[in-house]
Amino acid sequence: MAPVPPQRLATPLLLGGTDAAALAETLGELGFNVKVVAEEVGVASAIKMCRSVMIKGLEALTTECLSAARHYGAEERVLTSLHASFPHMGWDARQPHYLISRVAEHGRRRSEEMEGVAKTVADAGLEPRMSLAISAAQRDLVERMADLDIPYAEPFDWRVLVDRLAKR
């Protein structure tokens, strides 16, 4: 339910199914941070997939928002406004760098994951508009980076990446 580094075994792991409780006990003894969420198979996966719409969507939204804002020289005012609306999210600190770095570093894999999420959403009888858009946005950034031979590098600064993509 989160990136494995730096938490490693403490990373939350959800289980479901009729044997989930027994497996959770064994994994717990090995030091895993495991939680049984359902006896029905698929609920744990649905939690992960539905959460991905929000998490990967926030990354894609941040990338688009701040790339456009930077183009217009408005990024500081946009970030100030976001911080005023959501002061605990870190818009005035590392949050923008972190969210965009996730796309820059893992966008191709995340795009593929979002295609699976889109199927999950469609299987629920919903149109996966956001999931498909998120998939495209995640893939687009890494493809533009590849086209311009821009590698992912740390320390990551979203402004540097956006400027290089805009060839500034």
Protein backbone atom coordinates (compact mmCIF):
# COMPACT_ATOMS: atom_id res chain seq x y z
CA MET A 1 0.00 0.00 0.00
CA ALA A 2 3.06 2.27 -0.13
CA PRO A 3 6.56 2.34 -1.56
CA VAL A 4 8.64 -0.43 0.01
CA PRO A 5 11.70 1.75 0.67
CA PRO A 6 12.23 3.11 3.26
CA GLN A 7 9.73 1.11 5.33
CA ARG A 8 10.70 -2.30 3.97
CA LEU A 9 8.85 -4.95 6.05
CA ALA A 10 6.84 -2.23 7.78
CA THR A 11 5.17 -1.34 4.46
CA PRO A 12 1.42 -2.00 4.84
CA LEU A 13 0.32 -5.26 3.21
CA LEU A 14 -3.37 -6.08 2.79
CA LEU A 15 -4.69 -9.62 2.54
CA GLY A 16 -8.04 -11.09 1.60
CA GLY A 17 -9.47 -14.53 1.10
CA THR A 18 -10.44 -17.52 3.21
CA ASP A 19 -6.82 -18.28 4.16
CA ALA A 20 -5.84 -14.66 4.75
CA ALA A 21 -5.90 -14.87 8.56
CA ALA A 22 -3.56 -17.87 8.65
CA LEU A 23 -1.20 -16.24 6.15
CA ALA A 24 -1.31 -12.98 8.11
CA GLU A 25 -0.23 -14.80 11.25
CA THR A 26 2.74 -16.39 9.48
CA LEU A 27 3.78 -13.15 7.77
CA GLY A 28 3.33 -11.22 11.01
CA GLU A 29 5.74 -13.60 12.76
CA LEU A 30 8.27 -12.81 10.01
CA GLY A 31 7.94 -9.09 10.72
CA PHE A 32 5.55 -8.03 7.95
CA ASN A 33 3.02 -5.26 8.59
CA VAL A 34 0.01 -7.25 7.43
CA LYS A 35 -3.71 -6.65 7.82
CA VAL A 36 -6.61 -8.90 6.82
CA VAL A 37 -9.28 -6.76 5.17
CA ALA A 38 -11.79 -9.35 3.95
CA GLU A 39 -12.53 -13.04 3.66
CA GLU A 40 -13.56 -12.44 0.08
CA VAL A 41 -10.85 -12.62 -2.59
CA GLY A 42 -10.45 -9.36 -4.47
CA VAL A 43 -11.27 -6.79 -1.79
CA ALA A 44 -7.62 -6.18 -0.87
CA SER A 45 -6.76 -5.75 -4.54
CA ALA A 46 -9.72 -3.41 -5.03
CA ILE A 47 -8.50 -1.25 -2.15
CA LYS A 48 -5.08 -0.96 -3.79
CA MET A 49 -6.52 -0.32 -7.25
CA CYS A 50 -9.04 2.31 -6.11
CA ARG A 51 -6.38 4.04 -4.03
CA SER A 52 -4.19 4.20 -7.13
CA VAL A 53 -6.78 6.35 -8.90
CA MET A 54 -6.28 8.97 -6.21
CA ILE A 55 -2.52 8.65 -5.61
CA LYS A 56 -1.37 8.36 -9.21
CA GLY A 57 -4.03 10.87 -10.23
CA LEU A 58 -2.68 13.42 -7.74
CA GLU A 59 0.77 12.91 -9.23
CA ALA A 60 -0.55 13.40 -12.78
CA LEU A 61 -2.58 16.45 -11.77
CA THR A 62 0.40 18.01 -10.02
CA THR A 63 2.60 17.42 -13.06
CA GLU A 64 0.12 19.04 -15.43
CA CYS A 65 -0.81 21.87 -13.07
CA LEU A 66 2.73 22.94 -12.23
CA SER A 67 4.07 22.45 -15.76
CA ALA A 68 1.43 24.84 -17.09
CA ALA A 69 1.88 27.23 -14.16
CA ARG A 70 5.65 27.31 -14.77
CA HIS A 71 5.05 28.11 -18.45
CA TYR A 72 3.09 31.19 -17.38
CA GLY A 73 5.43 32.16 -14.55
CA ALA A 74 2.61 31.52 -12.08
CA GLU A 75 3.94 28.50 -10.17
CA GLU A 76 4.69 30.34 -6.91
CA ARG A 77 1.20 31.82 -6.74
CA VAL A 78 -0.37 28.47 -7.62
CA LEU A 79 1.67 26.72 -4.92
CA THR A 80 0.79 29.45 -2.40
CA SER A 81 -2.89 28.99 -3.23
CA LEU A 82 -2.66 25.20 -2.93
CA HIS A 83 -0.90 25.58 0.41
CA ALA A 84 -3.63 27.94 1.64
CA SER A 85 -6.31 25.41 0.64
CA PHE A 86 -4.46 22.33 1.90
CA PRO A 87 -1.86 23.51 4.45
CA HIS A 88 -0.99 20.05 5.73
CA MET A 89 -0.09 18.60 2.33
CA GLY A 90 3.29 20.30 1.99
CA TRP A 91 2.63 22.35 -1.14
CA ASP A 92 5.04 24.96 0.24
CA ALA A 93 7.81 22.40 0.69
CA ARG A 94 8.74 19.03 -0.84
CA GLN A 95 5.31 17.73 -1.92
CA PRO A 96 5.44 19.02 -5.52
CA HIS A 97 8.93 17.61 -5.98
CA TYR A 98 7.91 14.26 -4.52
CA LEU A 99 4.71 13.86 -6.55
CA ILE A 100 6.31 14.77 -9.88
CA SER A 101 9.42 12.70 -9.11
CA ARG A 102 7.21 9.61 -8.74
CA VAL A 103 5.99 10.11 -12.30
CA ALA A 104 9.45 10.89 -13.65
CA GLU A 105 10.97 7.82 -12.02
CA HIS A 106 8.15 5.27 -12.31
CA GLY A 107 5.76 6.68 -14.92
CA ARG A 108 6.01 3.83 -17.41
CA ARG A 109 5.26 1.13 -14.82
CA ARG A 110 2.57 3.27 -13.19
CA SER A 111 0.95 3.86 -16.56
CA GLU A 112 0.71 0.11 -17.05
CA GLU A 113 -0.70 -0.29 -13.53
CA MET A 114 -3.35 2.31 -14.31
CA GLU A 115 -4.46 0.28 -17.32
CA GLY A 116 -5.19 -2.54 -14.85
CA VAL A 117 -6.95 -0.04 -12.58
CA ALA A 118 -9.07 1.06 -15.56
CA LYS A 119 -10.16 -2.55 -16.02
CA THR A 120 -11.01 -2.78 -12.31
CA VAL A 121 -13.10 0.41 -12.55
CA ALA A 122 -14.82 -0.85 -15.72
CA ASP A 123 -15.55 -4.19 -14.03
CA ALA A 124 -17.41 -2.17 -11.38
CA GLY A 125 -19.67 -0.84 -14.15
CA LEU A 126 -18.06 2.60 -14.24
CA GLU A 127 -16.40 4.45 -17.09
CA PRO A 128 -12.65 4.62 -16.24
CA ARG A 129 -12.17 8.14 -17.61
CA MET A 130 -9.77 9.30 -14.93
CA SER A 131 -7.84 6.03 -14.80
CA LEU A 132 -7.20 6.12 -18.54
CA ALA A 133 -6.23 9.81 -18.43
CA ILE A 134 -3.87 9.14 -15.53
CA SER A 135 -2.29 6.27 -17.47
CA ALA A 136 -1.72 8.54 -20.46
CA ALA A 137 -0.33 11.37 -18.33
CA GLN A 138 2.09 9.10 -16.47
CA ARG A 139 3.32 7.56 -19.74
CA ASP A 140 3.54 10.92 -21.52
CA LEU A 141 6.00 12.44 -19.07
CA VAL A 142 8.49 9.56 -19.23
CA GLU A 143 8.18 9.34 -23.02
CA ARG A 144 8.94 13.06 -23.35
CA MET A 145 11.90 12.58 -21.03
CA ALA A 146 13.14 9.66 -23.15
CA ASP A 147 12.65 11.60 -26.41
CA LEU A 148 14.87 14.40 -25.05
CA ASP A 149 17.32 11.98 -23.40
CA ILE A 150 16.56 13.36 -19.94
CA PRO A 151 17.34 10.73 -17.29
CA TYR A 152 15.70 10.65 -13.89
CA ALA A 153 18.19 12.08 -11.41
CA GLU A 154 18.35 12.89 -7.73
CA PRO A 155 18.22 15.27 -6.07
CA PHE A 156 15.00 15.84 -7.99
CA ASP A 157 13.65 19.31 -8.67
CA TRP A 158 10.43 19.50 -10.63
CA ARG A 159 11.29 22.96 -11.95
CA VAL A 160 14.53 21.69 -13.51
CA LEU A 161 12.67 18.84 -15.23
CA VAL A 162 9.88 21.09 -16.51
CA ASP A 163 12.42 23.60 -17.82
CA ARG A 164 14.39 20.88 -19.61
CA LEU A 165 11.21 19.48 -21.15
CA ALA A 166 10.32 23.00 -22.32
CA LYS A 167 13.94 23.42 -23.48
CA ARG A 168 14.42 26.54 -21.37
